[in-house]
Amino acid sequence: MPFFRAAMHAFLQDIAQQLVSGIRQTSAVEFVAVFFGITSVVFSRQRSIWVYPTGLVNTALYIYLSVVAGLYAEASVNLYYTVMGVVGWAMWSKKREGRPQLRITRATPSEWLAALLFFGVAWLVLYGVLAAWTDSTVPVADSFASATAYTAMWLLTRKKLENWLWWIATNIAAIPLYFVKGFVFTALQYLVFLALAVSGYFAWSRALAREERNSASASGDTATATN
């Protein structure tokens, strides 16, 4: 036991030193990118359309940072975020009778199947590209994190509750990925993202439950009035 405690203490001390060293070496670009990234996820949790403009700043900066780090799949996913951010911004902006036209919904079985197929194809293609045509040292992890993020962003633009489950998977994969590559502050950002994704899932679940109760109540009132 004393040996185990000493080894654990040494391990935690080493991790702490790496964190401090990594944060000290964090560039101004990474600090700004992290700030806008966290802000964007907070807006997403609140179902605010500001998720998109703040997210676009974050993704543009991370395209540059990912290329510098040799995380080419992550660079591609940030480019994808940028394109889908514009698409999502347009979709979330649509209104009907003064209210947002797009509302939170659950993915249907067919939508789940489509998401899984989309993820599987994206992972295989990204891994193949990284392994064959780049000098990536982490092709499996990089492509997995990117493929889950592709799927999450696709579902987010449609306000599907399950987008948070895919973000959770992305964050779990990205934390060690960026830590190993020396982007310690970004790894901490993904740890915050993970907590926000779990919180976001429950916040959206509660909001969806309220909408379903209100819809059921309205349907009941209409039926009563008709009778």
C-alpha atoms as a PDB file:
ATOM      1  CA  MET A   1       0.000   0.000   0.000  1.00  0.00           C
ATOM      2  CA  PRO A   2       2.721   2.569   0.810  1.00  0.00           C
ATOM      3  CA  PHE A   3       4.328   1.783  -2.567  1.00  0.00           C
ATOM      4  CA  PHE A   4       0.990   2.197  -4.346  1.00  0.00           C
ATOM      5  CA  ARG A   5       0.309   5.540  -2.636  1.00  0.00           C
ATOM      6  CA  ALA A   6       3.808   6.774  -3.483  1.00  0.00           C
ATOM      7  CA  ALA A   7       3.434   5.725  -7.114  1.00  0.00           C
ATOM      8  CA  MET A   8       0.011   7.370  -7.386  1.00  0.00           C
ATOM      9  CA  HIS A   9       1.325  10.549  -5.764  1.00  0.00           C
ATOM     10  CA  ALA A  10       4.242  10.654  -8.213  1.00  0.00           C
ATOM     11  CA  PHE A  11       1.880  10.076 -11.148  1.00  0.00           C
ATOM     12  CA  LEU A  12      -0.522  12.846 -10.082  1.00  0.00           C
ATOM     13  CA  GLN A  13       2.381  15.195  -9.420  1.00  0.00           C
ATOM     14  CA  ASP A  14       3.738  14.532 -12.915  1.00  0.00           C
ATOM     15  CA  ILE A  15       0.307  15.190 -14.462  1.00  0.00           C
ATOM     16  CA  ALA A  16      -0.018  18.425 -12.477  1.00  0.00           C
ATOM     17  CA  GLN A  17       3.415  19.589 -13.640  1.00  0.00           C
ATOM     18  CA  GLN A  18       2.479  18.851 -17.255  1.00  0.00           C
ATOM     19  CA  LEU A  19      -0.753  20.814 -16.854  1.00  0.00           C
ATOM     20  CA  VAL A  20       1.013  23.836 -15.391  1.00  0.00           C
ATOM     21  CA  SER A  21       3.750  23.691 -18.024  1.00  0.00           C
ATOM     22  CA  GLY A  22       1.225  23.256 -20.818  1.00  0.00           C
ATOM     23  CA  ILE A  23      -0.935  26.175 -19.681  1.00  0.00           C
ATOM     24  CA  ARG A  24       2.132  28.419 -19.461  1.00  0.00           C
ATOM     25  CA  GLN A  25       2.984  27.521 -23.053  1.00  0.00           C
ATOM     26  CA  THR A  26      -0.557  28.102 -24.336  1.00  0.00           C
ATOM     27  CA  SER A  27      -0.655  30.633 -27.168  1.00  0.00           C
ATOM     28  CA  ALA A  28      -2.986  33.617 -27.287  1.00  0.00           C
ATOM     29  CA  VAL A  29      -4.752  32.022 -30.271  1.00  0.00           C
ATOM     30  CA  GLU A  30      -5.528  28.894 -28.254  1.00  0.00           C
ATOM     31  CA  PHE A  31      -6.814  30.944 -25.294  1.00  0.00           C
ATOM     32  CA  VAL A  32      -9.185  32.872 -27.577  1.00  0.00           C
ATOM     33  CA  ALA A  33     -10.308  29.681 -29.320  1.00  0.00           C
ATOM     34  CA  VAL A  34     -11.048  27.991 -25.990  1.00  0.00           C
ATOM     35  CA  PHE A  35     -13.003  31.006 -24.718  1.00  0.00           C
ATOM     36  CA  PHE A  36     -15.262  31.067 -27.785  1.00  0.00           C
ATOM     37  CA  GLY A  37     -15.582  27.281 -27.749  1.00  0.00           C
ATOM     38  CA  ILE A  38     -16.874  27.161 -24.187  1.00  0.00           C
ATOM     39  CA  THR A  39     -19.120  30.160 -24.832  1.00  0.00           C
ATOM     40  CA  SER A  40     -20.583  28.416 -27.868  1.00  0.00           C
ATOM     41  CA  VAL A  41     -21.393  25.231 -25.932  1.00  0.00           C
ATOM     42  CA  VAL A  42     -23.053  27.267 -23.168  1.00  0.00           C
ATOM     43  CA  PHE A  43     -25.250  28.947 -25.800  1.00  0.00           C
ATOM     44  CA  SER A  44     -26.030  25.513 -27.276  1.00  0.00           C
ATOM     45  CA  ARG A  45     -27.147  24.257 -23.869  1.00  0.00           C
ATOM     46  CA  GLN A  46     -29.455  27.288 -23.638  1.00  0.00           C
ATOM     47  CA  ARG A  47     -30.762  26.620 -27.165  1.00  0.00           C
ATOM     48  CA  SER A  48     -29.592  30.086 -28.180  1.00  0.00           C
ATOM     49  CA  ILE A  49     -28.820  30.864 -31.812  1.00  0.00           C
ATOM     50  CA  TRP A  50     -25.618  32.557 -30.576  1.00  0.00           C
ATOM     51  CA  VAL A  51     -24.155  29.045 -30.525  1.00  0.00           C
ATOM     52  CA  TYR A  52     -23.344  29.558 -34.198  1.00  0.00           C
ATOM     53  CA  PRO A  53     -21.529  32.938 -34.457  1.00  0.00           C
ATOM     54  CA  THR A  54     -19.418  32.189 -31.375  1.00  0.00           C
ATOM     55  CA  GLY A  55     -18.794  28.675 -32.654  1.00  0.00           C
ATOM     56  CA  LEU A  56     -17.580  29.976 -36.020  1.00  0.00           C
ATOM     57  CA  VAL A  57     -14.821  31.972 -34.315  1.00  0.00           C
ATOM     58  CA  ASN A  58     -13.772  28.862 -32.388  1.00  0.00           C
ATOM     59  CA  THR A  59     -13.718  26.567 -35.406  1.00  0.00           C
ATOM     60  CA  ALA A  60     -11.809  28.998 -37.623  1.00  0.00           C
ATOM     61  CA  LEU A  61      -9.045  29.256 -35.029  1.00  0.00           C
ATOM     62  CA  TYR A  62      -8.931  25.498 -34.470  1.00  0.00           C
ATOM     63  CA  ILE A  63      -8.478  24.781 -38.161  1.00  0.00           C
ATOM     64  CA  TYR A  64      -5.167  26.590 -37.840  1.00  0.00           C
ATOM     65  CA  LEU A  65      -4.216  24.988 -34.502  1.00  0.00           C
ATOM     66  CA  SER A  66      -5.079  21.463 -35.672  1.00  0.00           C
ATOM     67  CA  VAL A  67      -2.941  21.756 -38.796  1.00  0.00           C
ATOM     68  CA  VAL A  68      -0.016  23.004 -36.689  1.00  0.00           C
ATOM     69  CA  ALA A  69      -0.426  20.003 -34.356  1.00  0.00           C
ATOM     70  CA  GLY A  70      -0.671  17.505 -37.204  1.00  0.00           C
ATOM     71  CA  LEU A  71      -4.242  16.579 -36.242  1.00  0.00           C
ATOM     72  CA  TYR A  72      -5.470  16.644 -39.812  1.00  0.00           C
ATOM     73  CA  ALA A  73      -8.795  14.926 -39.179  1.00  0.00           C
ATOM     74  CA  GLU A  74      -9.491  17.443 -36.410  1.00  0.00           C
ATOM     75  CA  ALA A  75      -8.671  20.218 -38.879  1.00  0.00           C
ATOM     76  CA  SER A  76     -11.163  18.729 -41.315  1.00  0.00           C
ATOM     77  CA  VAL A  77     -13.823  18.452 -38.624  1.00  0.00           C
ATOM     78  CA  ASN A  78     -13.385  22.119 -37.743  1.00  0.00           C
ATOM     79  CA  LEU A  79     -13.780  23.002 -41.406  1.00  0.00           C
ATOM     80  CA  TYR A  80     -16.932  20.865 -41.378  1.00  0.00           C
ATOM     81  CA  TYR A  81     -18.083  22.681 -38.208  1.00  0.00           C
ATOM     82  CA  THR A  82     -17.631  25.986 -40.003  1.00  0.00           C
ATOM     83  CA  VAL A  83     -19.744  24.927 -42.989  1.00  0.00           C
ATOM     84  CA  MET A  84     -22.407  23.264 -40.831  1.00  0.00           C
ATOM     85  CA  GLY A  85     -22.364  26.261 -38.495  1.00  0.00           C
ATOM     86  CA  VAL A  86     -23.545  28.448 -41.370  1.00  0.00           C
ATOM     87  CA  VAL A  87     -26.177  25.838 -42.319  1.00  0.00           C
ATOM     88  CA  GLY A  88     -27.340  25.456 -38.710  1.00  0.00           C
ATOM     89  CA  TRP A  89     -27.491  29.223 -38.222  1.00  0.00           C
ATOM     90  CA  ALA A  90     -29.821  29.484 -41.220  1.00  0.00           C
ATOM     91  CA  MET A  91     -31.999  26.566 -40.056  1.00  0.00           C
ATOM     92  CA  TRP A  92     -32.299  27.833 -36.477  1.00  0.00           C
ATOM     93  CA  SER A  93     -33.153  31.328 -37.763  1.00  0.00           C
ATOM     94  CA  LYS A  94     -36.304  30.192 -39.557  1.00  0.00           C
ATOM     95  CA  LYS A  95     -39.471  31.232 -37.748  1.00  0.00           C
ATOM     96  CA  ARG A  96     -43.166  30.478 -38.009  1.00  0.00           C
ATOM     97  CA  GLU A  97     -45.646  32.881 -36.454  1.00  0.00           C
ATOM     98  CA  GLY A  98     -42.815  34.607 -34.595  1.00  0.00           C
ATOM     99  CA  ARG A  99     -41.492  31.389 -33.016  1.00  0.00           C
ATOM    100  CA  PRO A 100     -38.518  29.245 -34.031  1.00  0.00           C
ATOM    101  CA  GLN A 101     -39.634  26.759 -36.671  1.00  0.00           C
ATOM    102  CA  LEU A 102     -37.118  24.116 -35.554  1.00  0.00           C
ATOM    103  CA  ARG A 103     -37.831  22.479 -32.195  1.00  0.00           C
ATOM    104  CA  ILE A 104     -36.111  19.818 -30.123  1.00  0.00           C
ATOM    105  CA  THR A 105     -37.077  16.294 -31.138  1.00  0.00           C
ATOM    106  CA  ARG A 106     -35.813  12.783 -30.482  1.00  0.00           C
ATOM    107  CA  ALA A 107     -34.132  10.828 -33.250  1.00  0.00           C
ATOM    108  CA  THR A 108     -36.363   8.170 -34.767  1.00  0.00           C
ATOM    109  CA  PRO A 109     -35.022   4.609 -35.262  1.00  0.00           C
ATOM    110  CA  SER A 110     -34.352   5.403 -38.925  1.00  0.00           C
ATOM    111  CA  GLU A 111     -32.504   8.595 -37.937  1.00  0.00           C
ATOM    112  CA  TRP A 112     -30.434   6.625 -35.424  1.00  0.00           C
ATOM    113  CA  LEU A 113     -29.536   4.143 -38.150  1.00  0.00           C
ATOM    114  CA  ALA A 114     -28.617   6.983 -40.509  1.00  0.00           C
ATOM    115  CA  ALA A 115     -26.444   8.573 -37.806  1.00  0.00           C
ATOM    116  CA  LEU A 116     -24.635   5.295 -37.090  1.00  0.00           C
ATOM    117  CA  LEU A 117     -24.019   4.679 -40.786  1.00  0.00           C
ATOM    118  CA  PHE A 118     -22.809   8.255 -41.230  1.00  0.00           C
ATOM    119  CA  PHE A 119     -20.438   7.827 -38.278  1.00  0.00           C
ATOM    120  CA  GLY A 120     -19.126   4.474 -39.499  1.00  0.00           C
ATOM    121  CA  VAL A 121     -18.414   5.697 -43.020  1.00  0.00           C
ATOM    122  CA  ALA A 122     -16.809   8.904 -41.734  1.00  0.00           C
ATOM    123  CA  TRP A 123     -14.544   6.988 -39.332  1.00  0.00           C
ATOM    124  CA  LEU A 124     -13.404   4.524 -42.004  1.00  0.00           C
ATOM    125  CA  VAL A 125     -12.773   7.209 -44.619  1.00  0.00           C
ATOM    126  CA  LEU A 126     -10.919   9.503 -42.220  1.00  0.00           C
ATOM    127  CA  TYR A 127      -8.801   6.671 -40.866  1.00  0.00           C
ATOM    128  CA  GLY A 128      -7.942   5.537 -44.381  1.00  0.00           C
ATOM    129  CA  VAL A 129      -6.906   9.028 -45.423  1.00  0.00           C
ATOM    130  CA  LEU A 130      -4.836   9.615 -42.280  1.00  0.00           C
ATOM    131  CA  ALA A 131      -3.105   6.234 -42.419  1.00  0.00           C
ATOM    132  CA  ALA A 132      -2.332   6.358 -46.126  1.00  0.00           C
ATOM    133  CA  TRP A 133      -1.595   9.984 -46.922  1.00  0.00           C
ATOM    134  CA  THR A 134      -0.529  11.808 -43.759  1.00  0.00           C
ATOM    135  CA  ASP A 135       2.135  11.574 -41.072  1.00  0.00           C
ATOM    136  CA  SER A 136      -0.476  11.354 -38.296  1.00  0.00           C
ATOM    137  CA  THR A 137       0.754   9.398 -35.268  1.00  0.00           C
ATOM    138  CA  VAL A 138      -2.759   8.858 -33.891  1.00  0.00           C
ATOM    139  CA  PRO A 139      -4.946   7.994 -36.915  1.00  0.00           C
ATOM    140  CA  VAL A 140      -7.438   5.784 -35.034  1.00  0.00           C
ATOM    141  CA  ALA A 141      -8.140   8.227 -32.183  1.00  0.00           C
ATOM    142  CA  ASP A 142      -8.040  11.304 -34.418  1.00  0.00           C
ATOM    143  CA  SER A 143     -10.471   9.824 -36.936  1.00  0.00           C
ATOM    144  CA  PHE A 144     -12.803   8.499 -34.185  1.00  0.00           C
ATOM    145  CA  ALA A 145     -13.006  11.885 -32.438  1.00  0.00           C
ATOM    146  CA  SER A 146     -13.669  13.585 -35.751  1.00  0.00           C
ATOM    147  CA  ALA A 147     -16.290  11.086 -36.938  1.00  0.00           C
ATOM    148  CA  THR A 148     -18.305  11.380 -33.720  1.00  0.00           C
ATOM    149  CA  ALA A 149     -18.078  15.166 -33.985  1.00  0.00           C
ATOM    150  CA  TYR A 150     -19.301  15.081 -37.601  1.00  0.00           C
ATOM    151  CA  THR A 151     -22.325  13.106 -36.446  1.00  0.00           C
ATOM    152  CA  ALA A 152     -22.980  15.355 -33.442  1.00  0.00           C
ATOM    153  CA  MET A 153     -22.895  18.533 -35.530  1.00  0.00           C
ATOM    154  CA  TRP A 154     -25.227  17.022 -38.123  1.00  0.00           C
ATOM    155  CA  LEU A 155     -27.769  16.222 -35.391  1.00  0.00           C
ATOM    156  CA  LEU A 156     -27.318  19.606 -33.693  1.00  0.00           C
ATOM    157  CA  THR A 157     -28.343  21.503 -36.826  1.00  0.00           C
ATOM    158  CA  ARG A 158     -31.612  19.536 -36.668  1.00  0.00           C
ATOM    159  CA  LYS A 159     -32.051  20.079 -32.912  1.00  0.00           C
ATOM    160  CA  LYS A 160     -32.014  16.362 -32.189  1.00  0.00           C
ATOM    161  CA  LEU A 161     -31.661  15.551 -28.482  1.00  0.00           C
ATOM    162  CA  GLU A 162     -29.159  12.802 -29.266  1.00  0.00           C
ATOM    163  CA  ASN A 163     -26.572  15.276 -30.552  1.00  0.00           C
ATOM    164  CA  TRP A 164     -25.381  15.542 -26.933  1.00  0.00           C
ATOM    165  CA  LEU A 165     -24.633  11.821 -26.748  1.00  0.00           C
ATOM    166  CA  TRP A 166     -22.320  12.122 -29.735  1.00  0.00           C
ATOM    167  CA  TRP A 167     -20.668  15.232 -28.245  1.00  0.00           C
ATOM    168  CA  ILE A 168     -20.017  13.253 -25.069  1.00  0.00           C
ATOM    169  CA  ALA A 169     -18.231  10.569 -27.107  1.00  0.00           C
ATOM    170  CA  THR A 170     -16.258  13.240 -28.976  1.00  0.00           C
ATOM    171  CA  ASN A 171     -15.124  14.926 -25.789  1.00  0.00           C
ATOM    172  CA  ILE A 172     -14.053  11.679 -24.127  1.00  0.00           C
ATOM    173  CA  ALA A 173     -11.874  10.897 -27.157  1.00  0.00           C
ATOM    174  CA  ALA A 174     -10.511  14.425 -27.599  1.00  0.00           C
ATOM    175  CA  ILE A 175      -9.281  14.977 -24.015  1.00  0.00           C
ATOM    176  CA  PRO A 176      -6.325  12.548 -24.195  1.00  0.00           C
ATOM    177  CA  LEU A 177      -5.800  13.294 -27.887  1.00  0.00           C
ATOM    178  CA  TYR A 178      -5.019  16.970 -27.352  1.00  0.00           C
ATOM    179  CA  PHE A 179      -3.178  16.332 -24.087  1.00  0.00           C
ATOM    180  CA  VAL A 180      -0.734  13.995 -25.829  1.00  0.00           C
ATOM    181  CA  LYS A 181      -0.195  16.555 -28.589  1.00  0.00           C
ATOM    182  CA  GLY A 182       0.744  19.250 -26.069  1.00  0.00           C
ATOM    183  CA  PHE A 183      -2.450  21.333 -26.224  1.00  0.00           C
ATOM    184  CA  VAL A 184      -3.064  21.062 -22.500  1.00  0.00           C
ATOM    185  CA  PHE A 185      -5.398  24.036 -22.276  1.00  0.00           C
ATOM    186  CA  THR A 186      -7.463  22.623 -25.130  1.00  0.00           C
ATOM    187  CA  ALA A 187      -7.602  19.253 -23.330  1.00  0.00           C
ATOM    188  CA  LEU A 188      -9.005  21.108 -20.297  1.00  0.00           C
ATOM    189  CA  GLN A 189     -11.487  22.798 -22.625  1.00  0.00           C
ATOM    190  CA  TYR A 190     -12.759  19.379 -23.731  1.00  0.00           C
ATOM    191  CA  LEU A 191     -13.095  18.368 -20.083  1.00  0.00           C
ATOM    192  CA  VAL A 192     -15.366  21.403 -19.610  1.00  0.00           C
ATOM    193  CA  PHE A 193     -17.140  20.469 -22.852  1.00  0.00           C
ATOM    194  CA  LEU A 194     -17.765  16.987 -21.449  1.00  0.00           C
ATOM    195  CA  ALA A 195     -19.431  18.388 -18.340  1.00  0.00           C
ATOM    196  CA  LEU A 196     -21.466  20.827 -20.452  1.00  0.00           C
ATOM    197  CA  ALA A 197     -22.508  18.048 -22.847  1.00  0.00           C
ATOM    198  CA  VAL A 198     -23.855  15.917 -19.988  1.00  0.00           C
ATOM    199  CA  SER A 199     -25.609  18.972 -18.561  1.00  0.00           C
ATOM    200  CA  GLY A 200     -26.894  19.913 -22.034  1.00  0.00           C
ATOM    201  CA  TYR A 201     -28.410  16.486 -22.567  1.00  0.00           C
ATOM    202  CA  PHE A 202     -30.449  16.721 -19.366  1.00  0.00           C
ATOM    203  CA  ALA A 203     -31.392  20.370 -20.005  1.00  0.00           C
ATOM    204  CA  TRP A 204     -32.687  19.534 -23.493  1.00  0.00           C
ATOM    205  CA  SER A 205     -34.457  16.433 -22.126  1.00  0.00           C
ATOM    206  CA  ARG A 206     -36.326  18.574 -19.611  1.00  0.00           C
ATOM    207  CA  ALA A 207     -37.188  21.158 -22.269  1.00  0.00           C
ATOM    208  CA  LEU A 208     -38.464  18.436 -24.609  1.00  0.00           C
ATOM    209  CA  ALA A 209     -40.562  16.902 -21.824  1.00  0.00           C
ATOM    210  CA  ARG A 210     -42.142  20.307 -21.150  1.00  0.00           C
ATOM    211  CA  GLU A 211     -42.936  20.785 -24.831  1.00  0.00           C
ATOM    212  CA  GLU A 212     -44.483  17.317 -25.034  1.00  0.00           C
ATOM    213  CA  ARG A 213     -46.640  17.993 -21.948  1.00  0.00           C
ATOM    214  CA  ASN A 214     -47.753  21.344 -23.352  1.00  0.00           C
ATOM    215  CA  SER A 215     -48.542  19.754 -26.704  1.00  0.00           C
ATOM    216  CA  ALA A 216     -50.529  16.974 -25.056  1.00  0.00           C
ATOM    217  CA  SER A 217     -52.405  19.509 -22.935  1.00  0.00           C
ATOM    218  CA  ALA A 218     -53.194  21.632 -25.964  1.00  0.00           C
ATOM    219  CA  SER A 219     -54.438  18.568 -27.869  1.00  0.00           C
ATOM    220  CA  GLY A 220     -56.629  17.609 -24.917  1.00  0.00           C
ATOM    221  CA  ASP A 221     -58.111  21.116 -24.705  1.00  0.00           C
ATOM    222  CA  THR A 222     -58.841  21.066 -28.434  1.00  0.00           C
ATOM    223  CA  ALA A 223     -60.555  17.682 -28.183  1.00  0.00           C
ATOM    224  CA  THR A 224     -62.671  18.879 -25.233  1.00  0.00           C
ATOM    225  CA  ALA A 225     -63.704  22.022 -27.072  1.00  0.00           C
ATOM    226  CA  THR A 226     -64.641  19.990 -30.161  1.00  0.00           C
ATOM    227  CA  ASN A 227     -66.802  17.616 -28.116  1.00  0.00           C
END
